């Protein structure tokens, strides 16, 4: 999980436009700023998960992150509603937040 979050955080800077479009318009702030902030958060949490001394706190932060980004995942369904394959992919992604959250909680307990 740590390496995955770290990689996703880096992607926020490598291809920010892909993340900008996921941000729901009702969330205040500039999408690019929010993309960078969330990228820093993902990378920092990912790095924290890789180190035993910070793993417990990073796992708690991962739970919060997975809950916080859920509106963006919902927004991807809305944005892709008229594109059946992309809509299906966006809908399929939604339930995966639950195992991600439970995995982060398991990491927290084990840390």
Protein backbone atom coordinates (compact mmCIF):
# COMPACT_ATOMS: atom_id res chain seq x y z
CA UNK A 1 0.00 0.00 0.00
CA UNK A 2 2.85 2.37 0.84
CA UNK A 3 4.54 2.00 -2.53
CA UNK A 4 1.22 2.32 -4.34
CA UNK A 5 0.31 5.56 -2.57
CA UNK A 6 3.79 6.93 -3.10
CA UNK A 7 3.55 6.19 -6.83
CA UNK A 8 0.07 7.73 -7.07
CA UNK A 9 1.32 10.83 -5.29
CA UNK A 10 4.10 11.21 -7.86
CA UNK A 11 1.58 10.78 -10.69
CA UNK A 12 -0.32 13.82 -9.38
CA UNK A 13 2.71 15.85 -10.44
CA UNK A 14 3.56 13.92 -13.61
CA UNK A 15 0.06 14.12 -15.15
CA UNK A 16 -1.88 16.63 -13.03
CA UNK A 17 -4.56 17.27 -15.65
CA UNK A 18 -5.91 13.73 -15.19
CA UNK A 19 -6.42 14.43 -11.50
CA UNK A 20 -7.69 18.01 -11.99
CA UNK A 21 -10.71 16.75 -13.92
CA UNK A 22 -11.68 14.35 -11.12
CA UNK A 23 -12.20 17.11 -8.58
CA UNK A 24 -15.90 17.90 -8.16
CA UNK A 25 -16.72 21.52 -8.98
CA UNK A 26 -18.51 21.94 -5.63
CA UNK A 27 -15.21 21.55 -3.75
CA UNK A 28 -13.76 25.01 -3.17
CA UNK A 29 -10.32 25.81 -4.48
CA UNK A 30 -8.43 25.56 -7.74
CA UNK A 31 -8.34 22.02 -9.08
CA UNK A 32 -4.59 22.15 -9.80
CA UNK A 33 -3.83 23.27 -6.25
CA UNK A 34 -6.02 20.49 -4.87
CA UNK A 35 -4.31 18.00 -7.19
CA UNK A 36 -0.89 18.98 -5.88
CA UNK A 37 -2.03 19.00 -2.23
CA UNK A 38 -3.56 15.55 -2.58
CA UNK A 39 -0.45 14.34 -4.40
CA UNK A 40 1.77 15.50 -1.55
CA UNK A 41 -0.59 13.85 0.93
CA UNK A 42 -0.59 10.53 -0.95
CA UNK A 43 3.19 10.52 -1.35
CA UNK A 44 3.77 11.43 2.30
CA UNK A 45 1.31 8.81 3.54
CA UNK A 46 2.86 6.22 1.23
CA UNK A 47 6.35 7.02 2.51
CA UNK A 48 5.07 6.90 6.09
CA UNK A 49 3.62 3.44 5.53
CA UNK A 50 7.00 2.17 4.40
CA UNK A 51 8.70 3.03 7.72
CA UNK A 52 7.85 1.03 10.86
CA UNK A 53 8.14 4.08 13.15
CA UNK A 54 5.55 6.08 11.21
CA UNK A 55 3.39 3.24 9.88
CA UNK A 56 0.64 3.49 12.51
CA UNK A 57 0.03 7.20 12.01
CA UNK A 58 0.37 6.90 8.24
CA UNK A 59 -2.22 4.11 8.18
CA UNK A 60 -4.66 6.35 10.07
CA UNK A 61 -3.97 9.11 7.56
CA UNK A 62 -4.55 6.63 4.72
CA UNK A 63 -8.03 5.87 6.07
CA UNK A 64 -8.80 9.59 6.14
CA UNK A 65 -7.41 10.01 2.62
CA UNK A 66 -9.47 7.14 1.21
CA UNK A 67 -12.62 8.67 2.69
CA UNK A 68 -11.68 12.19 1.52
CA UNK A 69 -11.11 11.21 -2.12
CA UNK A 70 -14.39 9.33 -2.43
CA UNK A 71 -16.26 12.39 -3.79
CA UNK A 72 -13.71 12.57 -6.62
CA UNK A 73 -14.37 8.91 -7.41
CA UNK A 74 -18.11 9.63 -7.48
CA UNK A 75 -17.45 12.60 -9.74
CA UNK A 76 -15.66 10.33 -12.21
CA UNK A 77 -18.88 8.33 -12.55
CA UNK A 78 -20.78 11.54 -13.27
CA UNK A 79 -18.21 12.78 -15.78
CA UNK A 80 -18.17 9.47 -17.66
CA UNK A 81 -21.89 8.73 -17.57
CA UNK A 82 -22.26 9.00 -21.35
CA UNK A 83 -19.22 6.75 -22.02
CA UNK A 84 -20.31 3.21 -21.14
CA UNK A 85 -16.86 1.65 -20.73
CA UNK A 86 -15.46 4.51 -18.68
CA UNK A 87 -18.66 4.69 -16.65
CA UNK A 88 -18.39 0.95 -15.93
CA UNK A 89 -14.77 1.35 -14.85
CA UNK A 90 -15.62 4.31 -12.63
CA UNK A 91 -18.52 2.42 -11.04
CA UNK A 92 -16.37 -0.68 -10.53
CA UNK A 93 -13.80 1.43 -8.72
CA UNK A 94 -16.22 2.67 -6.05
CA UNK A 95 -16.51 -0.48 -3.92
CA UNK A 96 -12.72 -0.87 -3.79
CA UNK A 97 -12.57 1.98 -1.30
CA UNK A 98 -13.94 -0.39 1.36
CA UNK A 99 -11.09 -2.95 1.17
CA UNK A 100 -8.58 -0.12 0.92
CA UNK A 101 -9.95 1.36 4.14
CA UNK A 102 -10.08 -2.00 5.91
CA UNK A 103 -6.53 -2.79 4.74
CA UNK A 104 -5.28 0.51 6.11
CA UNK A 105 -7.03 -0.24 9.40
CA UNK A 106 -5.39 -3.67 9.48
CA UNK A 107 -1.98 -2.07 8.88
CA UNK A 108 -2.69 0.36 11.72
CA UNK A 109 -3.58 -2.48 14.08
CA UNK A 110 -0.46 -4.40 13.11
CA UNK A 111 1.91 -1.47 13.44
